[in-house]
Amino acid sequence: MNNLPPETRTDPDDETLPCGRLLSQVWTDWEEGVHDDHTAQCAHCRLAVADLERLESQVRALDSDPAHQPVDATSFIDRVMDVVRLELRPGRPLPLGEADEDLRIMENVAARALRRAA
């Protein structure tokens, strides 16, 4: 007779512990305060919960460390968007070749070619 719980995996990447429980379910139960006899007695489930507790304590330590505070990326994003907007504007047509030839290149295309060549 098989005492393993029924397979409820919906995500193929969801890890199944050697006892047959899904790692994600063990972690979810722990986070929600759900306790059952199996989880309390199973070495695999207890190890999974202990690993999650260690992971959460490390994340909390990083969150409280001022050296690891998130950086304000606003100025970087603004600079990137300025370049994107410049690339979208065609600019003025620049003459190519001799005065009697009707050859032109758009300013941003010429600038892009020069930047790549540099």
PDB file of N, CA and C in Angstrom:
ATOM      1  N   MET A   1       0.839  -1.177   0.000  1.00  0.00           N
ATOM      2  CA  MET A   1       0.000   0.000   0.000  1.00  0.00           C
ATOM      3  C   MET A   1       0.885   1.242   0.000  1.00  0.00           C
ATOM      4  N   ASN A   2       0.539   2.235  -0.784  1.00  0.00           N
ATOM      5  CA  ASN A   2       1.308   3.464  -0.924  1.00  0.00           C
ATOM      6  C   ASN A   2       0.770   4.509   0.051  1.00  0.00           C
ATOM      7  N   ASN A   3       1.633   4.971   0.974  1.00  0.00           N
ATOM      8  CA  ASN A   3       1.223   5.981   1.949  1.00  0.00           C
ATOM      9  C   ASN A   3       1.576   7.389   1.511  1.00  0.00           C
ATOM     10  N   LEU A   4       2.090   7.537   0.292  1.00  0.00           N
ATOM     11  CA  LEU A   4       2.470   8.854  -0.195  1.00  0.00           C
ATOM     12  C   LEU A   4       1.228   9.654  -0.552  1.00  0.00           C
ATOM     13  N   PRO A   5       1.273  10.960  -0.328  1.00  0.00           N
ATOM     14  CA  PRO A   5       0.120  11.782  -0.727  1.00  0.00           C
ATOM     15  C   PRO A   5      -0.018  11.797  -2.237  1.00  0.00           C
ATOM     16  N   PRO A   6      -1.221  12.037  -2.730  1.00  0.00           N
ATOM     17  CA  PRO A   6      -1.403  12.064  -4.187  1.00  0.00           C
ATOM     18  C   PRO A   6      -0.586  13.191  -4.812  1.00  0.00           C
ATOM     19  N   GLU A   7      -0.117  12.947  -6.011  1.00  0.00           N
ATOM     20  CA  GLU A   7       0.671  13.941  -6.754  1.00  0.00           C
ATOM     21  C   GLU A   7      -0.238  15.098  -7.145  1.00  0.00           C
ATOM     22  N   THR A   8       0.126  16.308  -6.699  1.00  0.00           N
ATOM     23  CA  THR A   8      -0.676  17.489  -7.015  1.00  0.00           C
ATOM     24  C   THR A   8       0.138  18.512  -7.779  1.00  0.00           C
ATOM     25  N   ARG A   9       1.238  18.084  -8.344  1.00  0.00           N
ATOM     26  CA  ARG A   9       2.136  19.006  -9.036  1.00  0.00           C
ATOM     27  C   ARG A   9       1.451  19.603 -10.256  1.00  0.00           C
ATOM     28  N   THR A  10       1.485  20.938 -10.339  1.00  0.00           N
ATOM     29  CA  THR A  10       0.993  21.623 -11.531  1.00  0.00           C
ATOM     30  C   THR A  10       2.143  22.271 -12.284  1.00  0.00           C
ATOM     31  N   ASP A  11       3.247  22.525 -11.582  1.00  0.00           N
ATOM     32  CA  ASP A  11       4.432  23.127 -12.185  1.00  0.00           C
ATOM     33  C   ASP A  11       5.489  22.041 -12.336  1.00  0.00           C
ATOM     34  N   PRO A  12       5.969  21.778 -13.555  1.00  0.00           N
ATOM     35  CA  PRO A  12       6.955  20.713 -13.735  1.00  0.00           C
ATOM     36  C   PRO A  12       8.262  20.994 -13.002  1.00  0.00           C
ATOM     37  N   ASP A  13       8.533  22.252 -12.634  1.00  0.00           N
ATOM     38  CA  ASP A  13       9.757  22.581 -11.909  1.00  0.00           C
ATOM     39  C   ASP A  13       9.591  22.468 -10.398  1.00  0.00           C
ATOM     40  N   ASP A  14       8.392  22.153  -9.932  1.00  0.00           N
ATOM     41  CA  ASP A  14       8.139  22.037  -8.502  1.00  0.00           C
ATOM     42  C   ASP A  14       8.814  20.773  -7.985  1.00  0.00           C
ATOM     43  N   GLU A  15       9.684  20.945  -7.004  1.00  0.00           N
ATOM     44  CA  GLU A  15      10.465  19.820  -6.482  1.00  0.00           C
ATOM     45  C   GLU A  15       9.619  18.954  -5.563  1.00  0.00           C
ATOM     46  N   THR A  16       9.741  17.643  -5.734  1.00  0.00           N
ATOM     47  CA  THR A  16       9.085  16.694  -4.847  1.00  0.00           C
ATOM     48  C   THR A  16      10.126  16.171  -3.869  1.00  0.00           C
ATOM     49  N   LEU A  17       9.833  16.266  -2.587  1.00  0.00           N
ATOM     50  CA  LEU A  17      10.743  15.760  -1.563  1.00  0.00           C
ATOM     51  C   LEU A  17      10.731  14.233  -1.586  1.00  0.00           C
ATOM     52  N   PRO A  18      11.765  13.574  -1.051  1.00  0.00           N
ATOM     53  CA  PRO A  18      11.796  12.106  -1.050  1.00  0.00           C
ATOM     54  C   PRO A  18      10.594  11.467  -0.355  1.00  0.00           C
ATOM     55  N   CYS A  19       9.934  12.207   0.533  1.00  0.00           N
ATOM     56  CA  CYS A  19       8.756  11.663   1.214  1.00  0.00           C
ATOM     57  C   CYS A  19       7.502  11.746   0.350  1.00  0.00           C
ATOM     58  N   GLY A  20       7.599  12.434  -0.802  1.00  0.00           N
ATOM     59  CA  GLY A  20       6.457  12.540  -1.701  1.00  0.00           C
ATOM     60  C   GLY A  20       5.738  13.874  -1.635  1.00  0.00           C
ATOM     61  N   ARG A  21       6.059  14.688  -0.657  1.00  0.00           N
ATOM     62  CA  ARG A  21       5.426  16.008  -0.555  1.00  0.00           C
ATOM     63  C   ARG A  21       6.096  16.989  -1.512  1.00  0.00           C
ATOM     64  N   LEU A  22       5.312  17.946  -1.989  1.00  0.00           N
ATOM     65  CA  LEU A  22       5.868  19.003  -2.830  1.00  0.00           C
ATOM     66  C   LEU A  22       6.537  20.040  -1.941  1.00  0.00           C
ATOM     67  N   LEU A  23       7.757  20.425  -2.313  1.00  0.00           N
ATOM     68  CA  LEU A  23       8.495  21.419  -1.542  1.00  0.00           C
ATOM     69  C   LEU A  23       7.693  22.706  -1.408  1.00  0.00           C
ATOM     70  N   SER A  24       7.075  23.135  -2.503  1.00  0.00           N
ATOM     71  CA  SER A  24       6.300  24.381  -2.460  1.00  0.00           C
ATOM     72  C   SER A  24       5.150  24.287  -1.462  1.00  0.00           C
ATOM     73  N   GLN A  25       4.530  23.114  -1.363  1.00  0.00           N
ATOM     74  CA  GLN A  25       3.414  22.956  -0.427  1.00  0.00           C
ATOM     75  C   GLN A  25       3.901  22.959   1.016  1.00  0.00           C
ATOM     76  N   VAL A  26       5.055  22.322   1.271  1.00  0.00           N
ATOM     77  CA  VAL A  26       5.625  22.322   2.624  1.00  0.00           C
ATOM     78  C   VAL A  26       5.938  23.754   3.042  1.00  0.00           C
ATOM     79  N   TRP A  27       6.549  24.523   2.133  1.00  0.00           N
ATOM     80  CA  TRP A  27       6.888  25.913   2.444  1.00  0.00           C
ATOM     81  C   TRP A  27       5.630  26.754   2.644  1.00  0.00           C
ATOM     82  N   THR A  28       4.630  26.563   1.788  1.00  0.00           N
ATOM     83  CA  THR A  28       3.378  27.316   1.918  1.00  0.00           C
ATOM     84  C   THR A  28       2.700  27.001   3.248  1.00  0.00           C
ATOM     85  N   ASP A  29       2.646  25.718   3.605  1.00  0.00           N
ATOM     86  CA  ASP A  29       2.034  25.331   4.883  1.00  0.00           C
ATOM     87  C   ASP A  29       2.770  25.986   6.050  1.00  0.00           C
ATOM     88  N   TRP A  30       4.100  26.001   6.002  1.00  0.00           N
ATOM     89  CA  TRP A  30       4.874  26.614   7.081  1.00  0.00           C
ATOM     90  C   TRP A  30       4.586  28.110   7.167  1.00  0.00           C
ATOM     91  N   GLU A  31       4.565  28.781   6.013  1.00  0.00           N
ATOM     92  CA  GLU A  31       4.317  30.226   6.005  1.00  0.00           C
ATOM     93  C   GLU A  31       2.915  30.563   6.515  1.00  0.00           C
ATOM     94  N   GLU A  32       1.952  29.677   6.254  1.00  0.00           N
ATOM     95  CA  GLU A  32       0.567  29.924   6.677  1.00  0.00           C
ATOM     96  C   GLU A  32       0.268  29.361   8.066  1.00  0.00           C
ATOM     97  N   GLY A  33       1.262  28.740   8.700  1.00  0.00           N
ATOM     98  CA  GLY A  33       1.082  28.199  10.046  1.00  0.00           C
ATOM     99  C   GLY A  33       0.298  26.907  10.099  1.00  0.00           C
ATOM    100  N   VAL A  34       0.228  26.180   8.986  1.00  0.00           N
ATOM    101  CA  VAL A  34      -0.480  24.900   8.949  1.00  0.00           C
ATOM    102  C   VAL A  34       0.464  23.820   9.481  1.00  0.00           C
ATOM    103  N   HIS A  35       0.033  23.087  10.514  1.00  0.00           N
ATOM    104  CA  HIS A  35       0.859  22.030  11.102  1.00  0.00           C
ATOM    105  C   HIS A  35       0.130  20.700  10.947  1.00  0.00           C
ATOM    106  N   ASP A  36       0.886  19.678  10.558  1.00  0.00           N
ATOM    107  CA  ASP A  36       0.321  18.331  10.527  1.00  0.00           C
ATOM    108  C   ASP A  36       1.371  17.359  11.060  1.00  0.00           C
ATOM    109  N   ASP A  37       0.940  16.140  11.380  1.00  0.00           N
ATOM    110  CA  ASP A  37       1.845  15.154  11.970  1.00  0.00           C
ATOM    111  C   ASP A  37       2.983  14.794  11.033  1.00  0.00           C
ATOM    112  N   HIS A  38       2.680  14.670   9.753  1.00  0.00           N
ATOM    113  CA  HIS A  38       3.724  14.274   8.804  1.00  0.00           C
ATOM    114  C   HIS A  38       4.861  15.292   8.792  1.00  0.00           C
ATOM    115  N   THR A  39       4.525  16.555   8.630  1.00  0.00           N
ATOM    116  CA  THR A  39       5.553  17.594   8.551  1.00  0.00           C
ATOM    117  C   THR A  39       6.350  17.658   9.846  1.00  0.00           C
ATOM    118  N   ALA A  40       5.692  17.467  10.976  1.00  0.00           N
ATOM    119  CA  ALA A  40       6.376  17.524  12.268  1.00  0.00           C
ATOM    120  C   ALA A  40       7.337  16.357  12.462  1.00  0.00           C
ATOM    121  N   GLN A  41       7.056  15.200  11.852  1.00  0.00           N
ATOM    122  CA  GLN A  41       7.868  14.007  12.076  1.00  0.00           C
ATOM    123  C   GLN A  41       8.808  13.676  10.923  1.00  0.00           C
ATOM    124  N   CYS A  42       8.544  14.175   9.739  1.00  0.00           N
ATOM    125  CA  CYS A  42       9.318  13.804   8.552  1.00  0.00           C
ATOM    126  C   CYS A  42      10.635  14.581   8.502  1.00  0.00           C
ATOM    127  N   ALA A  43      11.732  13.860   8.402  1.00  0.00           N
ATOM    128  CA  ALA A  43      13.055  14.500   8.348  1.00  0.00           C
ATOM    129  C   ALA A  43      13.192  15.377   7.102  1.00  0.00           C
ATOM    130  N   HIS A  44      12.622  14.952   5.989  1.00  0.00           N
ATOM    131  CA  HIS A  44      12.732  15.715   4.738  1.00  0.00           C
ATOM    132  C   HIS A  44      11.958  17.033   4.831  1.00  0.00           C
ATOM    133  N   CYS A  45      10.759  16.972   5.373  1.00  0.00           N
ATOM    134  CA  CYS A  45       9.950  18.187   5.513  1.00  0.00           C
ATOM    135  C   CYS A  45      10.568  19.136   6.532  1.00  0.00           C
ATOM    136  N   ARG A  46      11.075  18.575   7.656  1.00  0.00           N
ATOM    137  CA  ARG A  46      11.710  19.431   8.667  1.00  0.00           C
ATOM    138  C   ARG A  46      12.945  20.117   8.095  1.00  0.00           C
ATOM    139  N   LEU A  47      13.737  19.392   7.296  1.00  0.00           N
ATOM    140  CA  LEU A  47      14.923  19.986   6.673  1.00  0.00           C
ATOM    141  C   LEU A  47      14.518  21.091   5.693  1.00  0.00           C
ATOM    142  N   ALA A  48      13.453  20.866   4.931  1.00  0.00           N
ATOM    143  CA  ALA A  48      12.980  21.884   3.981  1.00  0.00           C
ATOM    144  C   ALA A  48      12.538  23.145   4.718  1.00  0.00           C
ATOM    145  N   VAL A  49      11.847  22.981   5.842  1.00  0.00           N
ATOM    146  CA  VAL A  49      11.409  24.135   6.631  1.00  0.00           C
ATOM    147  C   VAL A  49      12.621  24.842   7.238  1.00  0.00           C
ATOM    148  N   ALA A  50      13.591  24.077   7.723  1.00  0.00           N
ATOM    149  CA  ALA A  50      14.800  24.685   8.296  1.00  0.00           C
ATOM    150  C   ALA A  50      15.560  25.470   7.235  1.00  0.00           C
ATOM    151  N   ASP A  51      15.640  24.921   6.024  1.00  0.00           N
ATOM    152  CA  ASP A  51      16.304  25.645   4.928  1.00  0.00           C
ATOM    153  C   ASP A  51      15.579  26.947   4.616  1.00  0.00           C
ATOM    154  N   LEU A  52      14.250  26.907   4.612  1.00  0.00           N
ATOM    155  CA  LEU A  52      13.472  28.119   4.348  1.00  0.00           C
ATOM    156  C   LEU A  52      13.685  29.151   5.456  1.00  0.00           C
ATOM    157  N   GLU A  53      13.727  28.697   6.703  1.00  0.00           N
ATOM    158  CA  GLU A  53      13.968  29.622   7.815  1.00  0.00           C
ATOM    159  C   GLU A  53      15.342  30.283   7.691  1.00  0.00           C
ATOM    160  N   ARG A  54      16.369  29.503   7.317  1.00  0.00           N
ATOM    161  CA  ARG A  54      17.711  30.076   7.113  1.00  0.00           C
ATOM    162  C   ARG A  54      17.696  31.091   5.980  1.00  0.00           C
ATOM    163  N   LEU A  55      17.032  30.744   4.891  1.00  0.00           N
ATOM    164  CA  LEU A  55      16.947  31.655   3.752  1.00  0.00           C
ATOM    165  C   LEU A  55      16.255  32.957   4.151  1.00  0.00           C
ATOM    166  N   GLU A  56      15.146  32.854   4.841  1.00  0.00           N
ATOM    167  CA  GLU A  56      14.418  34.054   5.254  1.00  0.00           C
ATOM    168  C   GLU A  56      15.236  34.902   6.222  1.00  0.00           C
ATOM    169  N   SER A  57      15.996  34.270   7.122  1.00  0.00           N
ATOM    170  CA  SER A  57      16.811  35.063   8.052  1.00  0.00           C
ATOM    171  C   SER A  57      17.931  35.783   7.315  1.00  0.00           C
ATOM    172  N   GLN A  58      18.503  35.157   6.293  1.00  0.00           N
ATOM    173  CA  GLN A  58      19.536  35.818   5.494  1.00  0.00           C
ATOM    174  C   GLN A  58      18.955  36.995   4.713  1.00  0.00           C
ATOM    175  N   VAL A  59      17.776  36.814   4.164  1.00  0.00           N
ATOM    176  CA  VAL A  59      17.129  37.899   3.415  1.00  0.00           C
ATOM    177  C   VAL A  59      16.810  39.058   4.356  1.00  0.00           C
ATOM    178  N   ARG A  60      16.297  38.742   5.550  1.00  0.00           N
ATOM    179  CA  ARG A  60      16.014  39.803   6.526  1.00  0.00           C
ATOM    180  C   ARG A  60      17.285  40.546   6.913  1.00  0.00           C
ATOM    181  N   ALA A  61      18.398  39.822   7.069  1.00  0.00           N
ATOM    182  CA  ALA A  61      19.670  40.459   7.417  1.00  0.00           C
ATOM    183  C   ALA A  61      20.121  41.393   6.301  1.00  0.00           C
ATOM    184  N   LEU A  62      19.969  40.965   5.054  1.00  0.00           N
ATOM    185  CA  LEU A  62      20.334  41.835   3.934  1.00  0.00           C
ATOM    186  C   LEU A  62      19.435  43.060   3.863  1.00  0.00           C
ATOM    187  N   ASP A  63      18.154  42.865   4.123  1.00  0.00           N
ATOM    188  CA  ASP A  63      17.216  43.996   4.090  1.00  0.00           C
ATOM    189  C   ASP A  63      17.552  45.040   5.147  1.00  0.00           C
ATOM    190  N   SER A  64      18.053  44.600   6.293  1.00  0.00           N
ATOM    191  CA  SER A  64      18.343  45.545   7.369  1.00  0.00           C
ATOM    192  C   SER A  64      19.730  46.166   7.247  1.00  0.00           C
ATOM    193  N   ASP A  65      20.580  45.637   6.373  1.00  0.00           N
ATOM    194  CA  ASP A  65      21.934  46.165   6.186  1.00  0.00           C
ATOM    195  C   ASP A  65      21.880  47.395   5.289  1.00  0.00           C
ATOM    196  N   PRO A  66      22.304  48.567   5.804  1.00  0.00           N
ATOM    197  CA  PRO A  66      22.226  49.787   4.982  1.00  0.00           C
ATOM    198  C   PRO A  66      23.081  49.721   3.721  1.00  0.00           C
ATOM    199  N   ALA A  67      24.124  48.910   3.729  1.00  0.00           N
ATOM    200  CA  ALA A  67      24.979  48.801   2.538  1.00  0.00           C
ATOM    201  C   ALA A  67      24.258  48.108   1.392  1.00  0.00           C
ATOM    202  N   HIS A  68      23.204  47.379   1.691  1.00  0.00           N
ATOM    203  CA  HIS A  68      22.469  46.640   0.661  1.00  0.00           C
ATOM    204  C   HIS A  68      21.099  47.243   0.377  1.00  0.00           C
ATOM    205  N   GLN A  69      20.918  48.502   0.719  1.00  0.00           N
ATOM    206  CA  GLN A  69      19.639  49.144   0.430  1.00  0.00           C
ATOM    207  C   GLN A  69      19.494  49.341  -1.073  1.00  0.00           C
ATOM    208  N   PRO A  70      18.282  49.291  -1.576  1.00  0.00           N
ATOM    209  CA  PRO A  70      18.070  49.457  -3.016  1.00  0.00           C
ATOM    210  C   PRO A  70      18.575  50.816  -3.504  1.00  0.00           C
ATOM    211  N   VAL A  71      19.119  50.797  -4.681  1.00  0.00           N
ATOM    212  CA  VAL A  71      19.632  52.017  -5.296  1.00  0.00           C
ATOM    213  C   VAL A  71      18.507  52.667  -6.090  1.00  0.00           C
ATOM    214  N   ASP A  72      18.435  53.978  -6.013  1.00  0.00           N
ATOM    215  CA  ASP A  72      17.437  54.698  -6.795  1.00  0.00           C
ATOM    216  C   ASP A  72      17.916  54.742  -8.241  1.00  0.00           C
ATOM    217  N   ALA A  73      17.242  54.003  -9.091  1.00  0.00           N
ATOM    218  CA  ALA A  73      17.650  53.898 -10.494  1.00  0.00           C
ATOM    219  C   ALA A  73      16.973  54.943 -11.367  1.00  0.00           C
ATOM    220  N   THR A  74      16.308  55.898 -10.767  1.00  0.00           N
ATOM    221  CA  THR A  74      15.550  56.883 -11.538  1.00  0.00           C
ATOM    222  C   THR A  74      16.426  57.645 -12.517  1.00  0.00           C
ATOM    223  N   SER A  75      17.590  58.116 -12.062  1.00  0.00           N
ATOM    224  CA  SER A  75      18.436  58.904 -12.963  1.00  0.00           C
ATOM    225  C   SER A  75      18.953  58.044 -14.118  1.00  0.00           C
ATOM    226  N   PHE A  76      19.297  56.794 -13.835  1.00  0.00           N
ATOM    227  CA  PHE A  76      19.754  55.899 -14.894  1.00  0.00           C
ATOM    228  C   PHE A  76      18.634  55.656 -15.902  1.00  0.00           C
ATOM    229  N   ILE A  77      17.447  55.388 -15.410  1.00  0.00           N
ATOM    230  CA  ILE A  77      16.302  55.141 -16.293  1.00  0.00           C
ATOM    231  C   ILE A  77      15.998  56.380 -17.122  1.00  0.00           C
ATOM    232  N   ASP A  78      16.085  57.554 -16.490  1.00  0.00           N
ATOM    233  CA  ASP A  78      15.848  58.802 -17.230  1.00  0.00           C
ATOM    234  C   ASP A  78      16.850  58.964 -18.367  1.00  0.00           C
ATOM    235  N   ARG A  79      18.123  58.651 -18.105  1.00  0.00           N
ATOM    236  CA  ARG A  79      19.143  58.774 -19.161  1.00  0.00           C
ATOM    237  C   ARG A  79      18.881  57.788 -20.296  1.00  0.00           C
ATOM    238  N   VAL A  80      18.505  56.570 -19.951  1.00  0.00           N
ATOM    239  CA  VAL A  80      18.204  55.569 -20.983  1.00  0.00           C
ATOM    240  C   VAL A  80      17.017  56.026 -21.821  1.00  0.00           C
ATOM    241  N   MET A  81      15.981  56.522 -21.173  1.00  0.00           N
ATOM    242  CA  MET A  81      14.798  56.967 -21.911  1.00  0.00           C
ATOM    243  C   MET A  81      15.107  58.182 -22.780  1.00  0.00           C
ATOM    244  N   ASP A  82      16.009  59.057 -22.333  1.00  0.00           N
ATOM    245  CA  ASP A  82      16.422  60.188 -23.172  1.00  0.00           C
ATOM    246  C   ASP A  82      17.062  59.694 -24.458  1.00  0.00           C
ATOM    247  N   VAL A  83      17.923  58.677 -24.343  1.00  0.00           N
ATOM    248  CA  VAL A  83      18.561  58.116 -25.540  1.00  0.00           C
ATOM    249  C   VAL A  83      17.515  57.470 -26.439  1.00  0.00           C
ATOM    250  N   VAL A  84      16.575  56.747 -25.848  1.00  0.00           N
ATOM    251  CA  VAL A  84      15.515  56.109 -26.637  1.00  0.00           C
ATOM    252  C   VAL A  84      14.709  57.166 -27.381  1.00  0.00           C
ATOM    253  N   ARG A  85      14.353  58.231 -26.700  1.00  0.00           N
ATOM    254  CA  ARG A  85      13.581  59.291 -27.350  1.00  0.00           C
ATOM    255  C   ARG A  85      14.377  59.941 -28.478  1.00  0.00           C
ATOM    256  N   LEU A  86      15.676  60.146 -28.251  1.00  0.00           N
ATOM    257  CA  LEU A  86      16.517  60.715 -29.312  1.00  0.00           C
ATOM    258  C   LEU A  86      16.564  59.797 -30.524  1.00  0.00           C
ATOM    259  N   GLU A  87      16.626  58.493 -30.269  1.00  0.00           N
ATOM    260  CA  GLU A  87      16.677  57.532 -31.369  1.00  0.00           C
ATOM    261  C   GLU A  87      15.370  57.531 -32.158  1.00  0.00           C
ATOM    262  N   LEU A  88      14.272  57.840 -31.501  1.00  0.00           N
ATOM    263  CA  LEU A  88      12.978  57.828 -32.182  1.00  0.00           C
ATOM    264  C   LEU A  88      12.753  59.074 -33.028  1.00  0.00           C
ATOM    265  N   ARG A  89      13.446  60.152 -32.712  1.00  0.00           N
ATOM    266  CA  ARG A  89      13.306  61.381 -33.504  1.00  0.00           C
ATOM    267  C   ARG A  89      14.220  61.285 -34.711  1.00  0.00           C
ATOM    268  N   PRO A  90      13.684  61.453 -35.902  1.00  0.00           N
ATOM    269  CA  PRO A  90      14.540  61.298 -37.081  1.00  0.00           C
ATOM    270  C   PRO A  90      15.548  62.426 -37.245  1.00  0.00           C
ATOM    271  N   GLY A  91      15.274  63.573 -36.683  1.00  0.00           N
ATOM    272  CA  GLY A  91      16.183  64.704 -36.871  1.00  0.00           C
ATOM    273  C   GLY A  91      16.002  65.308 -38.253  1.00  0.00           C
ATOM    274  N   ARG A  92      16.917  66.180 -38.587  1.00  0.00           N
ATOM    275  CA  ARG A  92      16.806  66.857 -39.889  1.00  0.00           C
ATOM    276  C   ARG A  92      17.577  66.069 -40.943  1.00  0.00           C
ATOM    277  N   PRO A  93      17.204  66.192 -42.198  1.00  0.00           N
ATOM    278  CA  PRO A  93      17.942  65.505 -43.262  1.00  0.00           C
ATOM    279  C   PRO A  93      19.270  66.221 -43.530  1.00  0.00           C
ATOM    280  N   LEU A  94      20.323  65.438 -43.627  1.00  0.00           N
ATOM    281  CA  LEU A  94      21.647  65.981 -43.927  1.00  0.00           C
ATOM    282  C   LEU A  94      22.003  65.618 -45.363  1.00  0.00           C
ATOM    283  N   PRO A  95      22.532  66.560 -46.122  1.00  0.00           N
ATOM    284  CA  PRO A  95      22.877  66.260 -47.519  1.00  0.00           C
ATOM    285  C   PRO A  95      24.081  65.325 -47.592  1.00  0.00           C
ATOM    286  N   LEU A  96      24.027  64.419 -48.562  1.00  0.00           N
ATOM    287  CA  LEU A  96      25.142  63.513 -48.850  1.00  0.00           C
ATOM    288  C   LEU A  96      25.606  63.770 -50.273  1.00  0.00           C
ATOM    289  N   GLY A  97      26.872  63.641 -50.496  1.00  0.00           N
ATOM    290  CA  GLY A  97      27.379  63.787 -51.860  1.00  0.00           C
ATOM    291  C   GLY A  97      27.449  65.239 -52.296  1.00  0.00           C
ATOM    292  N   GLU A  98      27.362  65.435 -53.607  1.00  0.00           N
ATOM    293  CA  GLU A  98      27.483  66.768 -54.216  1.00  0.00           C
ATOM    294  C   GLU A  98      26.167  67.531 -54.117  1.00  0.00           C
ATOM    295  N   ALA A  99      26.236  68.827 -54.317  1.00  0.00           N
ATOM    296  CA  ALA A  99      25.060  69.691 -54.195  1.00  0.00           C
ATOM    297  C   ALA A  99      23.978  69.347 -55.210  1.00  0.00           C
ATOM    298  N   ASP A 100      24.387  68.873 -56.398  1.00  0.00           N
ATOM    299  CA  ASP A 100      23.384  68.567 -57.422  1.00  0.00           C
ATOM    300  C   ASP A 100      22.755  67.185 -57.211  1.00  0.00           C
ATOM    301  N   GLU A 101      23.286  66.386 -56.303  1.00  0.00           N
ATOM    302  CA  GLU A 101      22.720  65.062 -56.032  1.00  0.00           C
ATOM    303  C   GLU A 101      21.633  65.193 -54.964  1.00  0.00           C
ATOM    304  N   ASP A 102      20.616  64.400 -55.113  1.00  0.00           N
ATOM    305  CA  ASP A 102      19.513  64.436 -54.151  1.00  0.00           C
ATOM    306  C   ASP A 102      19.662  63.269 -53.161  1.00  0.00           C
ATOM    307  N   LEU A 103      20.791  63.234 -52.449  1.00  0.00           N
ATOM    308  CA  LEU A 103      21.033  62.188 -51.455  1.00  0.00           C
ATOM    309  C   LEU A 103      21.027  62.815 -50.071  1.00  0.00           C
ATOM    310  N   ARG A 104      20.289  62.204 -49.178  1.00  0.00           N
ATOM    311  CA  ARG A 104      20.201  62.728 -47.816  1.00  0.00           C
ATOM    312  C   ARG A 104      20.221  61.558 -46.831  1.00  0.00           C
ATOM    313  N   ILE A 105      20.679  61.853 -45.632  1.00  0.00           N
ATOM    314  CA  ILE A 105      20.636  60.888 -44.534  1.00  0.00           C
ATOM    315  C   ILE A 105      20.046  61.616 -43.331  1.00  0.00           C
ATOM    316  N   MET A 106      19.226  60.932 -42.590  1.00  0.00           N
ATOM    317  CA  MET A 106      18.616  61.564 -41.423  1.00  0.00           C
ATOM    318  C   MET A 106      19.671  61.706 -40.324  1.00  0.00           C
ATOM    319  N   GLU A 107      19.562  62.779 -39.582  1.00  0.00           N
ATOM    320  CA  GLU A 107      20.566  63.142 -38.584  1.00  0.00           C
ATOM    321  C   GLU A 107      20.803  62.024 -37.567  1.00  0.00           C
ATOM    322  N   ASN A 108      19.734  61.398 -37.056  1.00  0.00           N
ATOM    323  CA  ASN A 108      19.941  60.372 -36.037  1.00  0.00           C
ATOM    324  C   ASN A 108      20.581  59.118 -36.614  1.00  0.00           C
ATOM    325  N   VAL A 109      20.327  58.811 -37.889  1.00  0.00           N
ATOM    326  CA  VAL A 109      20.961  57.652 -38.524  1.00  0.00           C
ATOM    327  C   VAL A 109      22.457  57.896 -38.647  1.00  0.00           C
ATOM    328  N   ALA A 110      22.837  59.104 -39.054  1.00  0.00           N
ATOM    329  CA  ALA A 110      24.254  59.447 -39.157  1.00  0.00           C
ATOM    330  C   ALA A 110      24.914  59.405 -37.783  1.00  0.00           C
ATOM    331  N   ALA A 111      24.239  59.946 -36.769  1.00  0.00           N
ATOM    332  CA  ALA A 111      24.796  59.951 -35.414  1.00  0.00           C
ATOM    333  C   ALA A 111      24.978  58.531 -34.894  1.00  0.00           C
ATOM    334  N   ARG A 112      24.000  57.667 -35.143  1.00  0.00           N
ATOM    335  CA  ARG A 112      24.097  56.275 -34.708  1.00  0.00           C
ATOM    336  C   ARG A 112      25.266  55.578 -35.395  1.00  0.00           C
ATOM    337  N   ALA A 113      25.432  55.808 -36.702  1.00  0.00           N
ATOM    338  CA  ALA A 113      26.541  55.190 -37.435  1.00  0.00           C
ATOM    339  C   ALA A 113      27.886  55.678 -36.901  1.00  0.00           C
ATOM    340  N   LEU A 114      27.971  56.958 -36.600  1.00  0.00           N
ATOM    341  CA  LEU A 114      29.221  57.500 -36.059  1.00  0.00           C
ATOM    342  C   LEU A 114      29.506  56.951 -34.664  1.00  0.00           C
ATOM    343  N   ARG A 115      28.477  56.802 -33.841  1.00  0.00           N
ATOM    344  CA  ARG A 115      28.691  56.237 -32.496  1.00  0.00           C
ATOM    345  C   ARG A 115      29.184  54.805 -32.590  1.00  0.00           C
ATOM    346  N   ARG A 116      28.621  54.038 -33.495  1.00  0.00           N
ATOM    347  CA  ARG A 116      29.052  52.641 -33.640  1.00  0.00           C
ATOM    348  C   ARG A 116      30.460  52.544 -34.200  1.00  0.00           C
ATOM    349  N   ALA A 117      30.826  53.471 -35.053  1.00  0.00           N
ATOM    350  CA  ALA A 117      32.157  53.442 -35.664  1.00  0.00           C
ATOM    351  C   ALA A 117      33.235  53.887 -34.672  1.00  0.00           C
ATOM    352  N   ALA A 118      32.846  54.665 -33.678  1.00  0.00           N
ATOM    353  CA  ALA A 118      33.832  55.208 -32.728  1.00  0.00           C
ATOM    354  C   ALA A 118      34.361  54.156 -31.786  1.00  0.00           C
TER     355      ALA A 118
END
